[in-house]
Protein backbone atom coordinates (compact mmCIF):
# COMPACT_ATOMS: atom_id res chain seq x y z
CA MET A 1 -43.46 -84.19 -11.77
CA PRO A 2 -47.23 -84.58 -11.70
CA LEU A 3 -49.84 -82.21 -13.47
CA ASN A 4 -52.72 -81.22 -11.89
CA PRO A 5 -56.51 -82.34 -12.87
CA MET A 6 -56.32 -78.31 -15.46
CA ASP A 7 -53.73 -78.72 -17.21
CA SER A 8 -55.91 -81.62 -19.88
CA GLN A 9 -54.41 -79.31 -22.66
CA LEU A 10 -50.83 -79.82 -21.49
CA LYS A 11 -50.98 -83.35 -20.85
CA LYS A 12 -52.50 -83.95 -24.13
CA ASN A 13 -49.19 -81.92 -25.68
CA ILE A 14 -46.98 -84.19 -23.13
CA HIS A 15 -48.62 -87.16 -24.48
CA LEU A 16 -48.41 -86.49 -28.02
CA THR A 17 -44.42 -85.71 -27.65
CA VAL A 18 -44.00 -88.95 -26.05
CA VAL A 19 -45.95 -90.46 -29.05
CA ALA A 20 -43.72 -89.02 -32.14
CA GLY A 21 -40.85 -89.39 -30.09
CA ALA A 22 -41.22 -93.58 -30.16
CA ALA A 23 -42.29 -93.44 -34.15
CA ALA A 24 -39.54 -91.43 -34.71
CA THR A 25 -37.47 -93.58 -32.77
CA ILE A 26 -38.81 -96.62 -34.59
CA GLY A 27 -37.77 -95.96 -37.69
CA LEU A 28 -34.47 -94.22 -36.78
CA ASN A 29 -33.53 -97.87 -34.54
CA LEU A 30 -34.20 -99.90 -37.57
CA THR A 31 -31.79 -98.25 -40.07
CA ASN A 32 -29.02 -96.27 -37.83
CA PRO A 33 -27.30 -98.98 -36.38
CA PHE A 34 -26.95 -100.79 -39.23
CA PHE A 35 -25.78 -97.68 -41.26
CA SER A 36 -21.80 -98.70 -41.03
CA LEU A 37 -22.55 -102.10 -41.44
CA PHE A 38 -24.78 -101.46 -44.72
CA VAL A 39 -22.56 -99.81 -46.67
CA ILE A 40 -19.59 -101.66 -45.94
CA ARG A 41 -21.82 -104.71 -47.74
CA LEU A 42 -22.37 -102.12 -50.26
CA GLY A 43 -18.62 -102.56 -50.69
CA GLY A 44 -17.86 -98.98 -48.73
CA THR A 45 -14.81 -98.73 -47.36
CA ASP A 46 -13.56 -96.94 -43.67
CA TYR A 47 -13.62 -93.76 -45.22
CA HIS A 48 -17.54 -94.42 -46.69
CA VAL A 49 -17.88 -95.25 -42.35
CA GLY A 50 -16.13 -91.97 -40.98
CA TRP A 51 -18.09 -89.74 -44.15
CA LEU A 52 -21.41 -91.27 -42.78
CA SER A 53 -20.75 -89.26 -39.94
CA SER A 54 -18.88 -86.16 -41.41
CA LEU A 55 -21.12 -85.40 -44.57
CA PRO A 56 -24.40 -84.87 -42.65
CA ALA A 57 -22.66 -83.00 -40.48
CA LEU A 58 -21.14 -80.84 -43.39
CA ALA A 59 -24.69 -80.52 -44.65
CA ALA A 60 -25.72 -79.35 -41.16
CA VAL A 61 -23.47 -76.68 -41.16
CA LEU A 62 -24.62 -74.88 -44.59
CA VAL A 63 -27.78 -75.18 -43.36
CA LEU A 64 -28.43 -74.25 -39.99
CA ILE A 65 -28.27 -70.51 -39.40
CA PRO A 66 -29.94 -69.84 -42.65
CA GLY A 67 -32.21 -72.33 -41.38
CA GLY A 68 -32.47 -70.69 -38.33
CA ILE A 69 -33.16 -67.35 -39.76
CA TYR A 70 -36.24 -68.95 -41.83
CA VAL A 71 -38.54 -70.65 -39.14
CA ASP A 72 -37.94 -67.54 -37.16
CA ARG A 73 -39.84 -66.24 -39.44
CA PHE A 74 -43.02 -68.26 -38.08
CA PRO A 75 -44.30 -67.14 -34.75
CA TYR A 76 -46.10 -70.43 -34.73
CA LYS A 77 -43.73 -73.21 -35.47
CA LYS A 78 -45.69 -76.22 -35.68
CA LYS A 79 -46.25 -76.25 -39.58
CA ILE A 80 -42.99 -75.83 -40.49
CA THR A 81 -41.59 -78.77 -37.88
CA CYS A 82 -43.58 -81.06 -39.85
CA LEU A 83 -42.38 -80.05 -43.03
CA MET A 84 -39.00 -80.18 -41.91
CA ILE A 85 -39.56 -84.01 -40.50
CA GLY A 86 -41.44 -85.09 -43.41
CA SER A 87 -39.20 -83.92 -45.75
CA SER A 88 -36.10 -85.41 -43.46
CA LYS A 89 -37.65 -88.48 -42.90
CA PHE A 90 -38.94 -89.00 -47.32
CA PHE A 91 -35.18 -89.83 -47.80
CA PHE A 92 -35.88 -93.65 -46.18
CA LEU A 93 -37.67 -94.63 -49.69
CA CYS A 94 -34.28 -93.03 -51.77
CA LEU A 95 -32.24 -95.16 -49.13
CA ALA A 96 -34.28 -98.28 -50.26
CA LEU A 97 -33.73 -97.63 -54.40
CA VAL A 98 -29.76 -97.57 -53.66
CA PRO A 99 -28.67 -101.65 -53.89
CA PHE A 100 -30.83 -101.00 -57.42
CA LEU A 101 -28.03 -99.22 -58.87
CA PRO A 102 -24.66 -100.40 -60.21
CA PRO A 103 -23.06 -101.84 -58.04
CA LEU A 104 -19.33 -99.52 -57.87
CA TRP A 105 -21.41 -96.34 -57.27
CA GLN A 106 -23.58 -98.13 -54.44
CA ALA A 107 -21.85 -97.15 -51.42
CA THR A 108 -21.26 -93.45 -52.24
CA ILE A 109 -24.55 -92.55 -53.26
CA PHE A 110 -26.16 -93.82 -50.22
CA VAL A 111 -23.27 -92.05 -48.28
CA LEU A 112 -24.26 -88.97 -50.59
CA LEU A 113 -28.51 -89.52 -49.62
CA ILE A 114 -27.42 -89.61 -45.63
CA GLY A 115 -25.77 -86.25 -46.21
CA ILE A 116 -28.34 -84.19 -48.26
CA MET A 117 -31.17 -85.90 -45.57
CA ARG A 118 -29.66 -84.12 -43.17
CA ILE A 119 -30.70 -81.16 -44.77
CA PRO A 120 -33.91 -80.71 -43.58
CA GLY A 121 -33.15 -82.97 -40.77
CA ALA A 122 -31.19 -80.00 -39.39
CA ILE A 123 -33.73 -77.22 -39.82
CA SER A 124 -36.39 -80.03 -38.10
CA GLU A 125 -34.26 -80.18 -35.36
CA ILE A 126 -34.05 -76.34 -34.30
CA ALA A 127 -37.38 -75.67 -34.92
CA TRP A 128 -38.80 -78.51 -33.04
CA GLN A 129 -36.55 -77.26 -30.21
CA SER A 130 -38.39 -73.62 -30.32
CA PHE A 131 -41.75 -75.43 -31.16
CA LEU A 132 -41.05 -77.53 -27.81
CA ALA A 133 -40.42 -74.21 -26.02
CA ASP A 134 -43.06 -73.00 -26.89
CA TYR A 135 -46.00 -75.15 -25.39
CA ILE A 136 -44.03 -76.88 -22.79
CA PRO A 137 -43.34 -74.81 -20.21
CA GLU A 138 -40.20 -74.87 -18.35
CA ASP A 139 -40.91 -76.66 -15.38
CA PHE A 140 -42.03 -79.54 -17.20
CA ARG A 141 -39.58 -79.47 -19.76
CA GLY A 142 -37.25 -81.98 -17.69
CA TYR A 143 -40.36 -84.07 -16.91
CA THR A 144 -41.39 -84.57 -20.55
CA LEU A 145 -38.05 -84.92 -22.41
CA ALA A 146 -37.92 -88.04 -19.37
CA GLN A 147 -40.67 -88.75 -20.89
CA ARG A 148 -40.08 -89.01 -24.11
CA SER A 149 -37.03 -90.53 -23.72
CA TRP A 150 -37.08 -93.22 -21.51
CA ILE A 151 -40.44 -94.57 -24.05
CA SER A 152 -39.00 -94.30 -26.51
CA THR A 153 -35.40 -96.06 -25.56
CA PHE A 154 -38.15 -98.83 -24.64
CA PHE A 155 -39.36 -98.89 -28.25
CA GLY A 156 -35.86 -98.88 -29.60
CA ILE A 157 -34.36 -101.36 -27.43
CA ILE A 158 -37.47 -103.89 -29.18
CA ILE A 159 -36.88 -102.62 -32.58
CA THR A 160 -33.51 -102.59 -32.81
CA LEU A 161 -33.23 -106.17 -30.93
CA SER A 162 -35.97 -107.51 -33.63
CA ALA A 163 -34.17 -106.20 -36.50
CA GLY A 164 -30.56 -107.54 -35.33
CA GLN A 165 -32.59 -111.04 -35.01
CA VAL A 166 -34.11 -110.61 -38.33
CA LEU A 167 -30.64 -109.72 -40.04
CA SER A 168 -28.91 -112.55 -38.62
CA ARG A 169 -31.15 -115.48 -39.03
CA PHE A 170 -33.48 -115.12 -42.13
CA PRO A 171 -30.94 -113.90 -44.23
CA ARG A 172 -28.90 -116.44 -46.23
CA THR A 173 -27.03 -114.27 -49.01
CA ASN A 174 -25.57 -110.52 -48.58
CA LEU A 175 -28.44 -110.04 -51.50
CA ASP A 176 -30.78 -111.26 -49.25
CA ARG A 177 -30.02 -109.09 -46.16
CA ILE A 178 -29.99 -106.19 -48.48
CA ARG A 179 -33.64 -106.72 -49.17
CA PHE A 180 -34.59 -107.18 -45.64
CA TYR A 181 -32.54 -103.37 -45.31
CA GLN A 182 -34.61 -102.04 -48.34
CA ILE A 183 -38.22 -103.52 -45.74
CA PHE A 184 -36.66 -101.60 -42.83
CA PHE A 185 -36.18 -98.41 -44.75
CA VAL A 186 -40.06 -98.56 -46.28
CA ILE A 187 -41.00 -99.01 -42.89
CA ALA A 188 -38.75 -96.29 -41.28
CA PHE A 189 -40.96 -94.09 -43.50
CA LEU A 190 -43.78 -95.52 -42.53
CA ALA A 191 -43.18 -94.51 -38.73
CA ALA A 192 -41.96 -90.94 -39.73
CA CYS A 193 -45.61 -90.29 -41.53
CA TYR A 194 -47.03 -91.41 -38.16
CA GLU A 195 -44.64 -88.99 -35.76
CA VAL A 196 -45.37 -86.05 -38.26
CA TYR A 197 -49.43 -86.22 -37.81
CA SER A 198 -48.92 -86.77 -33.65
CA HIS A 199 -47.00 -83.47 -34.04
CA LEU A 200 -50.18 -82.33 -36.14
CA ARG A 201 -52.14 -82.70 -33.61
CA ILE A 202 -50.37 -80.67 -30.77
CA LYS A 203 -51.58 -77.81 -29.98
CA GLU A 204 -49.73 -73.99 -29.68
CA PRO A 205 -50.30 -71.66 -27.02
CA ASN A 206 -51.58 -68.37 -28.41
CA PHE A 207 -49.24 -65.53 -27.54
CA ASP A 208 -50.25 -62.84 -26.01
CA ASN A 209 -49.78 -59.09 -28.54
CA GLU A 210 -46.87 -57.69 -26.59
CA SER A 211 -45.28 -61.63 -27.46
CA GLU A 212 -46.72 -61.15 -30.98
CA GLN A 213 -45.19 -57.62 -31.53
CA GLU A 214 -41.66 -58.49 -30.91
CA LYS A 215 -41.59 -61.61 -33.23
CA VAL A 216 -42.70 -59.24 -35.87
CA LEU A 217 -40.35 -57.08 -34.90
CA ILE A 218 -37.53 -59.40 -34.79
CA ASN A 219 -38.82 -60.92 -38.45
CA GLN A 220 -38.36 -57.52 -39.79
CA THR A 221 -34.94 -56.52 -38.58
CA PRO A 222 -32.60 -56.89 -41.82
CA ILE A 223 -30.71 -59.93 -41.50
CA ILE A 224 -26.69 -58.54 -40.69
CA GLN A 225 -28.48 -55.97 -37.44
CA ARG A 226 -30.10 -59.41 -36.36
CA PHE A 227 -26.71 -60.85 -36.30
CA LYS A 228 -25.30 -57.82 -34.39
CA LEU A 229 -27.71 -57.67 -31.68
CA LEU A 230 -26.81 -61.58 -31.29
CA SER A 231 -23.10 -60.51 -30.67
CA SER A 232 -23.75 -57.92 -28.72
CA SER A 233 -25.73 -59.73 -26.53
CA PHE A 234 -23.02 -61.93 -25.26
CA SER A 235 -21.77 -58.58 -23.99
CA THR A 236 -24.45 -56.86 -22.70
CA VAL A 237 -26.94 -59.89 -21.57
CA PRO A 238 -26.17 -61.89 -19.17
CA LYS A 239 -28.30 -65.09 -20.24
CA ALA A 240 -26.64 -64.60 -23.21
CA LYS A 241 -23.33 -64.82 -21.74
CA ARG A 242 -24.33 -67.92 -19.69
CA PHE A 243 -25.17 -69.45 -22.95
CA LEU A 244 -22.08 -68.47 -25.19
CA ILE A 245 -20.35 -70.24 -21.71
CA PHE A 246 -22.06 -72.87 -22.01
CA ALA A 247 -22.26 -73.61 -25.80
CA CYS A 248 -18.21 -73.37 -26.08
CA CYS A 249 -17.71 -75.78 -22.94
CA SER A 250 -20.59 -78.17 -25.34
CA ILE A 251 -18.10 -77.80 -28.26
CA ILE A 252 -14.58 -79.06 -26.35
CA PHE A 253 -16.89 -81.94 -25.57
CA HIS A 254 -19.04 -82.63 -28.59
CA PHE A 255 -15.26 -82.53 -30.14
CA GLY A 256 -14.50 -86.06 -27.88
CA TRP A 257 -17.94 -87.23 -28.49
CA GLN A 258 -18.36 -86.95 -32.38
CA MET A 259 -14.84 -88.64 -32.74
CA GLY A 260 -15.57 -91.78 -31.46
CA TRP A 261 -18.73 -92.22 -33.61
CA PRO A 262 -17.15 -94.12 -36.78
CA LEU A 263 -13.45 -95.54 -34.52
CA PHE A 264 -16.48 -97.30 -32.03
CA SER A 265 -18.57 -98.80 -35.73
CA LEU A 266 -15.10 -99.54 -36.62
CA TYR A 267 -14.11 -101.59 -33.33
CA GLN A 268 -16.57 -103.43 -33.08
CA ILE A 269 -16.83 -104.54 -36.94
CA ARG A 270 -12.97 -104.73 -38.23
CA HIS A 271 -11.21 -105.83 -35.00
CA LEU A 272 -14.48 -107.73 -33.04
CA HIS A 273 -15.78 -109.10 -36.17
CA ALA A 274 -19.38 -108.03 -35.10
CA THR A 275 -22.82 -108.87 -37.05
CA GLU A 276 -26.12 -107.56 -36.72
CA ALA A 277 -26.90 -109.76 -34.25
CA TRP A 278 -24.42 -108.47 -31.71
CA LEU A 279 -24.51 -105.00 -33.27
CA SER A 280 -28.18 -105.35 -32.26
CA ALA A 281 -27.52 -106.45 -28.63
CA ILE A 282 -24.77 -104.15 -27.77
CA SER A 283 -27.33 -101.16 -28.78
CA VAL A 284 -30.03 -103.26 -26.49
CA ILE A 285 -28.03 -103.40 -23.71
CA SER A 286 -27.16 -99.55 -23.57
CA GLY A 287 -30.58 -98.37 -24.35
CA LEU A 288 -32.24 -100.78 -21.44
CA THR A 289 -29.86 -99.39 -18.90
CA SER A 290 -30.89 -96.16 -21.02
CA VAL A 291 -34.42 -96.37 -19.88
CA LEU A 292 -33.71 -97.87 -15.97
CA SER A 293 -31.74 -94.39 -16.09
CA TYR A 294 -33.92 -91.13 -17.51
CA THR A 295 -36.35 -90.74 -14.86
CA SER A 296 -33.26 -91.62 -11.90
CA TRP A 297 -31.32 -88.59 -14.04
CA ASN A 298 -34.68 -86.31 -14.03
CA LYS A 299 -34.85 -86.57 -10.19
CA PHE A 300 -30.48 -85.89 -9.70
CA ALA A 301 -31.25 -82.93 -12.08
CA GLU A 302 -34.39 -81.68 -10.49
CA LYS A 303 -32.72 -82.15 -7.06
CA HIS A 304 -29.04 -80.97 -7.29
CA GLY A 305 -28.95 -79.02 -10.90
CA ASN A 306 -28.76 -79.34 -14.67
CA ASP A 307 -25.09 -78.21 -14.15
CA LEU A 308 -23.75 -81.36 -11.92
CA THR A 309 -25.96 -83.84 -14.26
CA LEU A 310 -24.06 -82.35 -17.03
CA THR A 311 -20.62 -82.70 -15.27
CA LEU A 312 -21.30 -86.15 -13.69
CA THR A 313 -22.66 -88.16 -16.80
CA GLY A 314 -20.03 -86.49 -19.43
CA LEU A 315 -17.43 -88.31 -17.15
CA GLY A 316 -19.05 -91.58 -17.70
CA MET A 317 -19.27 -91.20 -21.44
CA SER A 318 -15.65 -89.69 -21.54
CA ILE A 319 -14.82 -93.58 -20.08
CA THR A 320 -16.39 -94.79 -22.58
CA PRO A 321 -13.11 -95.78 -25.54
CA VAL A 322 -11.31 -96.97 -22.37
CA LEU A 323 -13.68 -99.47 -22.04
CA TYR A 324 -13.74 -100.14 -25.65
CA ILE A 325 -9.76 -100.68 -25.11
CA LEU A 326 -10.24 -102.92 -22.21
CA SER A 327 -12.95 -105.00 -24.65
CA LYS A 328 -11.15 -108.02 -26.00
CA SER A 329 -14.50 -109.26 -27.18
CA LEU A 330 -17.52 -108.55 -27.76
CA PRO A 331 -19.25 -110.13 -24.62
CA ILE A 332 -17.67 -107.81 -22.58
CA LEU A 333 -17.92 -104.82 -24.63
CA ALA A 334 -21.87 -105.73 -24.27
CA ILE A 335 -20.95 -105.71 -20.93
CA MET A 336 -19.33 -102.35 -20.61
CA ASN A 337 -21.66 -100.72 -22.38
CA THR A 338 -24.02 -100.90 -19.52
CA ILE A 339 -22.06 -97.63 -18.03
CA VAL A 340 -22.20 -95.79 -21.51
CA GLY A 341 -25.64 -96.11 -21.83
CA ILE A 342 -26.05 -94.97 -17.98
CA SER A 343 -24.19 -92.04 -18.66
CA THR A 344 -25.64 -91.48 -21.80
CA ALA A 345 -29.04 -90.91 -20.97
CA GLY A 346 -28.43 -88.66 -18.14
CA PHE A 347 -25.70 -86.68 -20.65
CA VAL A 348 -28.16 -86.34 -24.14
CA LEU A 349 -31.70 -85.54 -21.40
CA THR A 350 -29.66 -82.66 -19.22
CA LEU A 351 -27.79 -81.10 -22.15
CA THR A 352 -30.58 -80.43 -24.45
CA ASN A 353 -33.05 -79.75 -21.18
CA MET A 354 -30.05 -77.17 -20.02
CA THR A 355 -29.83 -75.81 -23.92
CA LEU A 356 -33.20 -74.87 -23.60
CA GLN A 357 -33.16 -73.74 -20.24
CA GLU A 358 -30.30 -70.98 -20.97
CA VAL A 359 -31.33 -69.93 -24.81
CA PRO A 360 -32.49 -66.18 -24.55
CA LYS A 361 -36.04 -65.60 -25.42
CA LEU A 362 -35.45 -63.48 -28.30
CA GLN A 363 -34.16 -64.80 -31.63
CA ARG A 364 -34.84 -68.62 -29.56
CA THR A 365 -34.04 -70.37 -33.00
CA LEU A 366 -30.89 -67.88 -34.70
CA TYR A 367 -29.53 -68.88 -31.47
CA ILE A 368 -29.97 -72.59 -31.43
CA ALA A 369 -28.68 -72.80 -35.10
CA CYS A 370 -25.26 -70.90 -34.09
CA TYR A 371 -25.30 -73.65 -31.44
CA ASN A 372 -25.71 -76.72 -33.24
CA THR A 373 -23.69 -75.18 -36.56
CA ALA A 374 -20.62 -75.04 -34.26
CA ILE A 375 -21.77 -78.29 -33.45
CA ASN A 376 -21.72 -79.66 -36.66
CA ILE A 377 -18.27 -78.11 -38.10
CA SER A 378 -16.88 -80.14 -35.06
CA ALA A 379 -18.69 -83.49 -36.08
CA ALA A 380 -18.07 -82.61 -39.62
CA CYS A 381 -13.90 -82.85 -39.33
CA THR A 382 -14.08 -85.07 -35.95
CA PRO A 383 -15.04 -88.48 -37.50
CA LEU A 384 -12.66 -88.49 -40.53
CA ILE A 385 -9.88 -87.10 -37.66
CA GLY A 386 -10.31 -90.56 -35.67
CA VAL A 387 -10.32 -92.23 -38.71
CA TYR A 388 -7.25 -91.10 -39.74
CA ILE A 389 -5.47 -91.05 -36.18
CA ASN A 390 -7.05 -94.79 -36.72
CA ASP A 391 -4.97 -95.30 -39.74
CA LYS A 392 -1.66 -94.15 -38.73
CA ALA A 393 -1.40 -94.44 -34.73
CA GLY A 394 -3.97 -97.53 -34.68
CA ILE A 395 -7.55 -97.73 -33.23
CA LYS A 396 -6.17 -97.86 -29.70
CA ILE A 397 -4.66 -94.29 -29.96
CA ALA A 398 -7.61 -92.70 -31.83
CA LEU A 399 -9.89 -93.71 -28.78
CA LEU A 400 -6.99 -92.31 -26.62
CA VAL A 401 -7.68 -88.96 -28.14
CA ALA A 402 -11.18 -89.09 -27.85
CA ALA A 403 -11.21 -89.97 -24.60
CA PHE A 404 -8.78 -86.82 -23.84
CA PHE A 405 -11.17 -84.05 -25.38
CA ARG A 406 -13.94 -85.62 -24.10
CA PHE A 407 -12.56 -85.78 -20.66
CA LEU A 408 -11.34 -81.94 -21.64
CA GLY A 409 -15.07 -81.24 -22.36
CA VAL A 410 -15.97 -82.22 -18.97
CA VAL A 411 -13.33 -80.35 -17.09
CA ALA A 412 -14.62 -76.97 -19.06
CA PHE A 413 -18.42 -77.89 -17.91
CA PHE A 414 -17.23 -78.52 -14.17
CA VAL A 415 -15.49 -75.04 -14.26
CA ARG A 416 -18.46 -73.49 -15.29
CA TYR A 417 -20.90 -74.50 -12.55
CA ARG A 418 -18.22 -74.32 -9.83
CA TYR A 419 -18.49 -70.41 -11.47
CA TYR A 420 -21.98 -69.77 -11.81
CA ASP A 421 -22.22 -71.67 -8.08
CA LYS A 422 -20.12 -69.24 -6.46
CA GLU A 423 -21.84 -66.41 -8.31
CA LYS A 424 -25.22 -67.77 -7.62
CA ARG A 425 -25.09 -68.12 -3.43
CA LEU A 426 -22.97 -64.65 -3.47
CA LEU A 427 -26.30 -62.91 -5.03
CA ALA A 428 -28.43 -64.66 -2.85
CA GLN A 429 -26.47 -62.87 0.14
CA LEU A 430 -26.24 -59.38 -1.72
CA ASN A 431 -29.69 -59.51 -3.19
CA PRO A 432 -31.69 -61.95 -3.62
CA ASP A 433 -33.66 -60.62 -6.13
CA ALA A 434 -30.50 -60.73 -8.88
CA ILE A 435 -30.75 -64.52 -9.45
CA ASP A 436 -34.76 -63.57 -10.58
CA LYS A 437 -34.22 -60.88 -12.55
CA ILE A 438 -30.77 -62.62 -14.82
CA LYS A 439 -33.51 -65.78 -15.30
CA THR A 440 -35.67 -63.43 -16.80
CA VAL A 441 -33.55 -61.60 -19.58
């Protein structure tokens, strides 16, 4: 979506959003793709790998709603967002020190630190979403998120490929490889510092007096009363009801999505014997197809709507576990990940944009916090459920269960899409102004 010459500050804000996203990706792609293999090299078990997904989610469950209430106290979200991002990324330095601990405790301490790191990280995510919704108008969010996503993914491809090659070619022993991991953690922290700096340069809009008074009134409302207002809104406010139904569909899909996270790592490492080079190659292929897909998915969503886009991309993600089962070698799995990259790019892009589009403006951060809490309750349980099913019935059955719940979520999204599409057409016939009234609530 082109920006006219009068939108110079908006252009700058979008540019800084993209730069911050690229900096964040540099840090994450130096570390996250290799967490599972790193914890195994530290002597970790399959359950350590499972807890890498579950413990951060459990930590997020405990802090998201209190964090959302706390963040809502700030009419302007930039400073609190930057504080939470900086606090979270500081833990990269702590992770770099783990190999200096007694060997018996290294894997467990590493997983615990990943979990604690998630506490400020979870708050930073809901703060950033609310912050973004303030300084990027709704008409430009899809464009901004698409630009941020494809550029971040492009940087991620380069970083992941380079990191995988370095970890596979240069270290001669397991100890040498761990030392390289430590260097990567330090670099990730430095990239996070630039991410915070970029966010600090973004200019927030000045709210009008009515918006300011509305926020002050909400902050003065007792917490119990705020939850009562939120709860009652699901039956009295059309937009809140839409958001609740959207959240329920998303949670069903996330149940299967999150179950697959440790299973994919275990399948690659335990069954196909992937090294760091192969992990990076698979991640790069998925990322490359994502880069090539973001713009196309954004245009598709603008033409056909977010609901249909979410349904189609979710369908692609629902067959991912089946593609893993069919992949009997690492080269075949790498090829299969082209489909994974295309569908994941569209789904994540549309899900983020749709969350901000559907959430009511009043108490926005609290709505997002409650939604993310439900998502993280699922994330705390489902990875361990996946590992348990893997232990009892094997990796193929576990992957099929994950595929089933993903597909169930797709069906839920599709039913929601059909319902509201039919309602929209009916309203347009009876009263064209009704749609606009619903959107502004």
